[in-house]
Amino acid sequence: MQTQQFLVTWIEPQQDKTKCFQIREQVFVKEQGFENEFDEIDETAYHLLIQAGENPIATARIFQQDDKWMIGRVCVIPPYRKHGVGRIAVEECEKQIQVLGGHSSHLSAQLRIQGFYESMGYHAEGEPYLDEFCPHIAMSKQLD
């Protein structure tokens, strides 16, 4: 894959999130088999959309929960994995959290990609747990 420019867009809670939901449907539901992908958080979260040209290729969401800024639902469609798009998504989420006044970010990582988040400065908190059938671990990072 050639190096290319990606278009990064933040979608406010009241705006159309269809492209983000299509990516999540493809990755989390069809590819990984999750059943409870969409929830009430989607109504109030800020959604990140990354596009290559007109093609939606990655998404994530950020939201406040118990006075913590959470990053969630980070996903990249298969052809764009291993090309730094996931890192771009997480970095953009961290920047937006800071714009919104946050000083740390928290997430629930699939255990199989814990190392990816550790490479970005995240630290595991507590013990692994199941989200549906998939092992996850809580992680956090100071942004200041």
N, C-alpha and C. Protein backbone atom coordinates (compact mmCIF):
# COMPACT_ATOMS: atom_id res chain seq x y z
N MET A 1 0.86 -1.19 0.00
CA MET A 1 0.00 0.00 0.00
C MET A 1 0.89 1.24 0.00
N GLN A 2 0.60 2.16 -0.84
CA GLN A 2 1.35 3.40 -0.91
C GLN A 2 0.99 4.29 0.27
N THR A 3 1.92 5.14 0.66
CA THR A 3 1.62 6.14 1.67
C THR A 3 0.62 7.11 1.07
N GLN A 4 -0.41 7.39 1.83
CA GLN A 4 -1.42 8.30 1.32
C GLN A 4 -1.95 9.17 2.44
N GLN A 5 -2.64 10.21 2.04
CA GLN A 5 -3.26 11.11 3.00
C GLN A 5 -4.60 10.53 3.43
N PHE A 6 -4.88 10.67 4.70
CA PHE A 6 -6.17 10.23 5.23
C PHE A 6 -6.95 11.46 5.68
N LEU A 7 -8.24 11.44 5.44
CA LEU A 7 -9.12 12.51 5.89
C LEU A 7 -9.68 12.12 7.25
N VAL A 8 -9.44 12.96 8.25
CA VAL A 8 -9.90 12.72 9.62
C VAL A 8 -11.03 13.69 9.92
N THR A 9 -12.18 13.15 10.33
CA THR A 9 -13.36 13.96 10.61
C THR A 9 -13.93 13.58 11.96
N TRP A 10 -14.31 14.59 12.75
CA TRP A 10 -15.03 14.34 14.00
C TRP A 10 -16.51 14.58 13.77
N ILE A 11 -17.32 13.63 14.20
CA ILE A 11 -18.76 13.70 14.04
C ILE A 11 -19.39 13.94 15.40
N GLU A 12 -20.09 15.05 15.53
CA GLU A 12 -20.74 15.42 16.79
C GLU A 12 -21.88 14.45 17.10
N PRO A 13 -22.27 14.35 18.37
CA PRO A 13 -23.31 13.39 18.75
C PRO A 13 -24.60 13.48 17.93
N GLN A 14 -25.02 14.68 17.53
CA GLN A 14 -26.29 14.82 16.82
C GLN A 14 -26.15 14.62 15.31
N GLN A 15 -24.93 14.44 14.81
CA GLN A 15 -24.71 14.30 13.37
C GLN A 15 -24.85 12.84 12.92
N ASP A 16 -24.87 12.65 11.60
CA ASP A 16 -25.04 11.33 11.00
C ASP A 16 -23.78 10.49 11.18
N LYS A 17 -23.93 9.34 11.81
CA LYS A 17 -22.81 8.44 12.11
C LYS A 17 -22.85 7.18 11.24
N THR A 18 -23.61 7.19 10.17
CA THR A 18 -23.83 6.00 9.35
C THR A 18 -22.52 5.37 8.87
N LYS A 19 -21.58 6.17 8.38
CA LYS A 19 -20.32 5.61 7.87
C LYS A 19 -19.53 4.93 8.99
N CYS A 20 -19.54 5.52 10.18
CA CYS A 20 -18.86 4.92 11.33
C CYS A 20 -19.51 3.59 11.69
N PHE A 21 -20.82 3.58 11.70
CA PHE A 21 -21.56 2.36 12.06
C PHE A 21 -21.32 1.25 11.03
N GLN A 22 -21.18 1.62 9.75
CA GLN A 22 -20.93 0.61 8.72
C GLN A 22 -19.58 -0.07 8.94
N ILE A 23 -18.57 0.70 9.32
CA ILE A 23 -17.25 0.13 9.61
C ILE A 23 -17.34 -0.80 10.82
N ARG A 24 -18.00 -0.36 11.86
CA ARG A 24 -18.14 -1.18 13.07
C ARG A 24 -18.92 -2.46 12.78
N GLU A 25 -19.95 -2.36 11.97
CA GLU A 25 -20.72 -3.54 11.58
C GLU A 25 -19.82 -4.55 10.86
N GLN A 26 -19.02 -4.04 9.93
CA GLN A 26 -18.12 -4.91 9.17
C GLN A 26 -17.10 -5.58 10.08
N VAL A 27 -16.44 -4.81 10.95
CA VAL A 27 -15.34 -5.33 11.76
C VAL A 27 -15.83 -6.12 12.97
N PHE A 28 -16.66 -5.49 13.79
CA PHE A 28 -17.02 -6.13 15.06
C PHE A 28 -18.11 -7.18 14.94
N VAL A 29 -19.10 -6.95 14.08
CA VAL A 29 -20.22 -7.90 13.97
C VAL A 29 -19.90 -9.00 12.96
N LYS A 30 -19.63 -8.63 11.72
CA LYS A 30 -19.42 -9.65 10.68
C LYS A 30 -18.10 -10.38 10.83
N GLU A 31 -17.01 -9.65 11.08
CA GLU A 31 -15.69 -10.28 11.16
C GLU A 31 -15.45 -10.95 12.51
N GLN A 32 -15.76 -10.25 13.62
CA GLN A 32 -15.39 -10.75 14.94
C GLN A 32 -16.54 -11.43 15.68
N GLY A 33 -17.76 -11.28 15.22
CA GLY A 33 -18.88 -12.00 15.79
C GLY A 33 -19.56 -11.39 17.01
N PHE A 34 -19.30 -10.12 17.29
CA PHE A 34 -19.98 -9.47 18.41
C PHE A 34 -21.45 -9.26 18.06
N GLU A 35 -22.32 -9.35 19.05
CA GLU A 35 -23.75 -9.17 18.83
C GLU A 35 -24.27 -7.86 19.40
N ASN A 36 -23.65 -7.36 20.46
CA ASN A 36 -24.13 -6.16 21.15
C ASN A 36 -23.23 -4.97 20.81
N GLU A 37 -23.09 -4.69 19.54
CA GLU A 37 -22.15 -3.66 19.09
C GLU A 37 -22.65 -2.24 19.33
N PHE A 38 -23.93 -2.00 19.14
CA PHE A 38 -24.44 -0.64 19.21
C PHE A 38 -25.20 -0.45 20.51
N ASP A 39 -25.02 0.72 21.14
CA ASP A 39 -25.63 0.95 22.46
C ASP A 39 -26.01 2.43 22.62
N GLU A 40 -26.53 2.75 23.77
CA GLU A 40 -26.99 4.13 24.04
C GLU A 40 -25.84 5.14 24.06
N ILE A 41 -24.63 4.68 24.29
CA ILE A 41 -23.48 5.59 24.28
C ILE A 41 -23.32 6.23 22.90
N ASP A 42 -23.68 5.51 21.86
CA ASP A 42 -23.56 6.05 20.50
C ASP A 42 -24.32 7.36 20.32
N GLU A 43 -25.38 7.55 21.08
CA GLU A 43 -26.19 8.76 20.95
C GLU A 43 -25.48 10.02 21.46
N THR A 44 -24.56 9.85 22.41
CA THR A 44 -23.91 11.02 23.03
C THR A 44 -22.41 11.09 22.76
N ALA A 45 -21.84 10.05 22.14
CA ALA A 45 -20.40 10.02 21.89
C ALA A 45 -20.02 10.86 20.68
N TYR A 46 -18.76 11.31 20.69
CA TYR A 46 -18.15 11.91 19.52
C TYR A 46 -17.53 10.76 18.72
N HIS A 47 -17.77 10.74 17.43
CA HIS A 47 -17.26 9.65 16.59
C HIS A 47 -16.19 10.17 15.63
N LEU A 48 -15.12 9.44 15.55
CA LEU A 48 -14.03 9.72 14.61
C LEU A 48 -14.25 8.90 13.35
N LEU A 49 -14.10 9.52 12.21
CA LEU A 49 -14.16 8.83 10.93
C LEU A 49 -12.88 9.13 10.17
N ILE A 50 -12.20 8.08 9.73
CA ILE A 50 -11.01 8.23 8.90
C ILE A 50 -11.33 7.66 7.54
N GLN A 51 -11.01 8.45 6.50
CA GLN A 51 -11.29 8.03 5.14
C GLN A 51 -10.01 8.08 4.30
N ALA A 52 -9.93 7.17 3.34
CA ALA A 52 -8.90 7.21 2.30
C ALA A 52 -9.65 7.61 1.04
N GLY A 53 -9.48 8.85 0.65
CA GLY A 53 -10.31 9.39 -0.43
C GLY A 53 -11.75 9.43 0.04
N GLU A 54 -12.65 8.81 -0.69
CA GLU A 54 -14.06 8.77 -0.31
C GLU A 54 -14.40 7.53 0.52
N ASN A 55 -13.42 6.65 0.71
CA ASN A 55 -13.67 5.36 1.36
C ASN A 55 -13.49 5.42 2.87
N PRO A 56 -14.53 5.14 3.65
CA PRO A 56 -14.39 5.05 5.11
C PRO A 56 -13.55 3.83 5.46
N ILE A 57 -12.49 4.03 6.26
CA ILE A 57 -11.58 2.92 6.55
C ILE A 57 -11.39 2.66 8.04
N ALA A 58 -11.73 3.62 8.89
CA ALA A 58 -11.52 3.42 10.33
C ALA A 58 -12.46 4.33 11.12
N THR A 59 -12.72 3.91 12.35
CA THR A 59 -13.56 4.72 13.22
C THR A 59 -13.19 4.46 14.67
N ALA A 60 -13.67 5.32 15.54
CA ALA A 60 -13.53 5.19 16.99
C ALA A 60 -14.55 6.15 17.60
N ARG A 61 -14.75 6.03 18.90
CA ARG A 61 -15.61 6.99 19.57
C ARG A 61 -14.99 7.38 20.90
N ILE A 62 -15.32 8.58 21.36
CA ILE A 62 -14.91 9.02 22.70
C ILE A 62 -16.15 9.52 23.43
N PHE A 63 -16.13 9.32 24.74
CA PHE A 63 -17.26 9.74 25.56
C PHE A 63 -16.82 9.81 27.01
N GLN A 64 -17.58 10.56 27.81
CA GLN A 64 -17.31 10.64 29.24
C GLN A 64 -18.15 9.61 29.98
N GLN A 65 -17.49 8.93 30.92
CA GLN A 65 -18.17 7.94 31.76
C GLN A 65 -17.59 8.07 33.16
N ASP A 66 -18.44 8.41 34.12
CA ASP A 66 -17.97 8.58 35.51
C ASP A 66 -16.77 9.53 35.59
N ASP A 67 -16.85 10.67 34.93
CA ASP A 67 -15.80 11.69 34.92
C ASP A 67 -14.50 11.25 34.27
N LYS A 68 -14.53 10.17 33.52
CA LYS A 68 -13.36 9.71 32.77
C LYS A 68 -13.67 9.80 31.29
N TRP A 69 -12.67 10.18 30.50
CA TRP A 69 -12.81 10.15 29.05
C TRP A 69 -12.43 8.77 28.56
N MET A 70 -13.34 8.15 27.83
CA MET A 70 -13.17 6.80 27.32
C MET A 70 -12.98 6.83 25.80
N ILE A 71 -12.08 5.97 25.33
CA ILE A 71 -11.94 5.70 23.91
C ILE A 71 -12.53 4.32 23.68
N GLY A 72 -13.34 4.19 22.65
CA GLY A 72 -13.92 2.88 22.38
C GLY A 72 -14.19 2.64 20.92
N ARG A 73 -14.47 1.38 20.63
CA ARG A 73 -14.88 0.94 19.30
C ARG A 73 -13.88 1.35 18.22
N VAL A 74 -12.58 1.28 18.57
CA VAL A 74 -11.53 1.58 17.60
C VAL A 74 -11.46 0.40 16.63
N CYS A 75 -11.63 0.69 15.35
CA CYS A 75 -11.52 -0.40 14.36
C CYS A 75 -11.10 0.15 13.01
N VAL A 76 -10.41 -0.73 12.28
CA VAL A 76 -9.87 -0.42 10.96
C VAL A 76 -10.26 -1.57 10.04
N ILE A 77 -10.72 -1.26 8.83
CA ILE A 77 -11.09 -2.34 7.91
C ILE A 77 -9.81 -3.09 7.48
N PRO A 78 -9.94 -4.38 7.17
CA PRO A 78 -8.76 -5.23 6.94
C PRO A 78 -7.68 -4.71 5.99
N PRO A 79 -8.00 -4.15 4.82
CA PRO A 79 -6.91 -3.74 3.91
C PRO A 79 -6.01 -2.63 4.47
N TYR A 80 -6.47 -1.93 5.50
CA TYR A 80 -5.70 -0.80 6.03
C TYR A 80 -5.02 -1.12 7.36
N ARG A 81 -5.13 -2.34 7.83
CA ARG A 81 -4.45 -2.73 9.06
C ARG A 81 -2.96 -2.87 8.81
N LYS A 82 -2.18 -2.67 9.86
CA LYS A 82 -0.71 -2.78 9.80
C LYS A 82 -0.09 -1.65 8.98
N HIS A 83 -0.82 -0.55 8.81
CA HIS A 83 -0.30 0.60 8.07
C HIS A 83 -0.36 1.89 8.90
N GLY A 84 -0.55 1.74 10.21
CA GLY A 84 -0.54 2.90 11.10
C GLY A 84 -1.88 3.60 11.26
N VAL A 85 -2.93 3.09 10.65
CA VAL A 85 -4.23 3.76 10.72
C VAL A 85 -4.82 3.66 12.13
N GLY A 86 -4.65 2.52 12.78
CA GLY A 86 -5.14 2.37 14.15
C GLY A 86 -4.43 3.34 15.09
N ARG A 87 -3.15 3.51 14.91
CA ARG A 87 -2.37 4.46 15.72
C ARG A 87 -2.89 5.89 15.49
N ILE A 88 -3.14 6.23 14.23
CA ILE A 88 -3.68 7.56 13.91
C ILE A 88 -5.02 7.75 14.63
N ALA A 89 -5.87 6.73 14.59
CA ALA A 89 -7.19 6.82 15.23
C ALA A 89 -7.05 7.09 16.73
N VAL A 90 -6.20 6.34 17.40
CA VAL A 90 -6.03 6.53 18.85
C VAL A 90 -5.43 7.90 19.14
N GLU A 91 -4.43 8.31 18.39
CA GLU A 91 -3.82 9.63 18.60
C GLU A 91 -4.83 10.75 18.39
N GLU A 92 -5.68 10.63 17.38
CA GLU A 92 -6.71 11.65 17.14
C GLU A 92 -7.71 11.68 18.29
N CYS A 93 -8.05 10.52 18.82
CA CYS A 93 -8.95 10.47 19.98
C CYS A 93 -8.31 11.17 21.18
N GLU A 94 -7.04 10.91 21.41
CA GLU A 94 -6.34 11.55 22.53
C GLU A 94 -6.32 13.07 22.37
N LYS A 95 -6.04 13.54 21.16
CA LYS A 95 -6.03 14.99 20.91
C LYS A 95 -7.41 15.60 21.18
N GLN A 96 -8.46 14.92 20.72
CA GLN A 96 -9.81 15.45 20.90
C GLN A 96 -10.20 15.46 22.38
N ILE A 97 -9.79 14.45 23.12
CA ILE A 97 -10.05 14.43 24.57
C ILE A 97 -9.40 15.64 25.22
N GLN A 98 -8.19 15.97 24.82
CA GLN A 98 -7.52 17.15 25.38
C GLN A 98 -8.24 18.43 24.98
N VAL A 99 -8.69 18.52 23.73
CA VAL A 99 -9.45 19.70 23.28
C VAL A 99 -10.70 19.87 24.16
N LEU A 100 -11.31 18.76 24.55
CA LEU A 100 -12.53 18.80 25.35
C LEU A 100 -12.25 18.92 26.85
N GLY A 101 -10.97 19.09 27.21
CA GLY A 101 -10.61 19.34 28.60
C GLY A 101 -10.15 18.13 29.39
N GLY A 102 -9.99 16.99 28.75
CA GLY A 102 -9.55 15.78 29.44
C GLY A 102 -8.04 15.74 29.61
N HIS A 103 -7.60 15.03 30.65
CA HIS A 103 -6.17 14.91 30.94
C HIS A 103 -5.68 13.47 30.90
N SER A 104 -6.60 12.54 30.74
CA SER A 104 -6.24 11.13 30.63
C SER A 104 -7.28 10.44 29.76
N SER A 105 -6.89 9.29 29.23
CA SER A 105 -7.83 8.51 28.43
C SER A 105 -7.86 7.09 28.98
N HIS A 106 -9.00 6.47 28.83
CA HIS A 106 -9.25 5.13 29.35
C HIS A 106 -9.90 4.32 28.24
N LEU A 107 -9.64 3.02 28.22
CA LEU A 107 -10.24 2.18 27.21
C LEU A 107 -10.33 0.74 27.70
N SER A 108 -11.11 -0.03 26.99
CA SER A 108 -11.27 -1.46 27.23
C SER A 108 -10.71 -2.16 26.00
N ALA A 109 -9.50 -2.72 26.12
CA ALA A 109 -8.81 -3.31 24.98
C ALA A 109 -9.06 -4.80 24.88
N GLN A 110 -9.25 -5.28 23.66
CA GLN A 110 -9.24 -6.72 23.47
C GLN A 110 -7.85 -7.20 23.88
N LEU A 111 -7.80 -8.26 24.66
CA LEU A 111 -6.54 -8.74 25.21
C LEU A 111 -5.52 -9.04 24.11
N ARG A 112 -5.98 -9.49 22.96
CA ARG A 112 -5.06 -9.85 21.88
C ARG A 112 -4.32 -8.65 21.30
N ILE A 113 -4.83 -7.42 21.56
CA ILE A 113 -4.13 -6.23 21.06
C ILE A 113 -3.66 -5.32 22.19
N GLN A 114 -3.54 -5.87 23.38
CA GLN A 114 -3.03 -5.11 24.52
C GLN A 114 -1.67 -4.50 24.19
N GLY A 115 -0.81 -5.26 23.53
CA GLY A 115 0.53 -4.78 23.18
C GLY A 115 0.51 -3.54 22.30
N PHE A 116 -0.46 -3.45 21.40
CA PHE A 116 -0.61 -2.26 20.56
C PHE A 116 -0.80 -1.03 21.44
N TYR A 117 -1.72 -1.11 22.40
CA TYR A 117 -1.98 0.03 23.28
C TYR A 117 -0.80 0.31 24.21
N GLU A 118 -0.13 -0.73 24.67
CA GLU A 118 1.06 -0.52 25.50
C GLU A 118 2.14 0.23 24.72
N SER A 119 2.25 -0.05 23.42
CA SER A 119 3.24 0.65 22.59
C SER A 119 2.91 2.13 22.45
N MET A 120 1.67 2.50 22.78
CA MET A 120 1.26 3.90 22.72
C MET A 120 1.22 4.55 24.10
N GLY A 121 1.74 3.84 25.11
CA GLY A 121 1.84 4.42 26.44
C GLY A 121 0.71 4.06 27.39
N TYR A 122 -0.16 3.15 27.02
CA TYR A 122 -1.25 2.73 27.90
C TYR A 122 -0.77 1.67 28.88
N HIS A 123 -1.40 1.66 30.06
CA HIS A 123 -1.06 0.71 31.11
C HIS A 123 -2.31 -0.06 31.51
N ALA A 124 -2.14 -1.36 31.70
CA ALA A 124 -3.26 -2.22 32.10
C ALA A 124 -3.67 -1.90 33.54
N GLU A 125 -4.97 -2.03 33.79
CA GLU A 125 -5.52 -1.81 35.13
C GLU A 125 -6.39 -3.01 35.48
N GLY A 126 -6.07 -3.69 36.56
CA GLY A 126 -6.91 -4.80 37.01
C GLY A 126 -6.67 -6.07 36.21
N GLU A 127 -7.64 -6.94 36.29
CA GLU A 127 -7.56 -8.26 35.67
C GLU A 127 -8.39 -8.30 34.39
N PRO A 128 -8.04 -9.21 33.48
CA PRO A 128 -8.85 -9.37 32.27
C PRO A 128 -10.28 -9.80 32.61
N TYR A 129 -11.21 -9.47 31.71
CA TYR A 129 -12.63 -9.80 31.87
C TYR A 129 -13.21 -10.08 30.49
N LEU A 130 -14.37 -10.68 30.46
CA LEU A 130 -15.02 -10.97 29.18
C LEU A 130 -16.01 -9.88 28.82
N ASP A 131 -15.95 -9.44 27.58
CA ASP A 131 -16.97 -8.58 26.98
C ASP A 131 -17.58 -9.46 25.90
N GLU A 132 -18.83 -9.85 26.10
CA GLU A 132 -19.44 -10.94 25.34
C GLU A 132 -18.51 -12.14 25.55
N PHE A 133 -17.92 -12.69 24.50
CA PHE A 133 -17.08 -13.88 24.57
C PHE A 133 -15.60 -13.56 24.54
N CYS A 134 -15.25 -12.29 24.41
CA CYS A 134 -13.88 -11.87 24.10
C CYS A 134 -13.16 -11.30 25.33
N PRO A 135 -11.98 -11.83 25.68
CA PRO A 135 -11.22 -11.28 26.80
C PRO A 135 -10.77 -9.83 26.53
N HIS A 136 -10.99 -8.98 27.52
CA HIS A 136 -10.61 -7.56 27.47
C HIS A 136 -9.83 -7.19 28.72
N ILE A 137 -9.15 -6.05 28.65
CA ILE A 137 -8.44 -5.51 29.81
C ILE A 137 -8.64 -3.99 29.84
N ALA A 138 -8.90 -3.44 31.01
CA ALA A 138 -9.00 -1.98 31.15
C ALA A 138 -7.59 -1.39 31.07
N MET A 139 -7.47 -0.27 30.38
CA MET A 139 -6.17 0.40 30.22
C MET A 139 -6.37 1.91 30.32
N SER A 140 -5.29 2.62 30.70
CA SER A 140 -5.38 4.07 30.77
C SER A 140 -4.03 4.70 30.44
N LYS A 141 -4.10 6.02 30.18
CA LYS A 141 -2.90 6.78 29.83
C LYS A 141 -3.08 8.22 30.25
N GLN A 142 -2.07 8.82 30.85
CA GLN A 142 -2.06 10.26 31.13
C GLN A 142 -1.73 10.99 29.84
N LEU A 143 -2.46 12.05 29.55
CA LEU A 143 -2.25 12.79 28.32
C LEU A 143 -1.46 14.07 28.53
N ASP A 144 -1.29 14.51 29.73
CA ASP A 144 -0.56 15.76 30.01
C ASP A 144 0.93 15.54 30.02
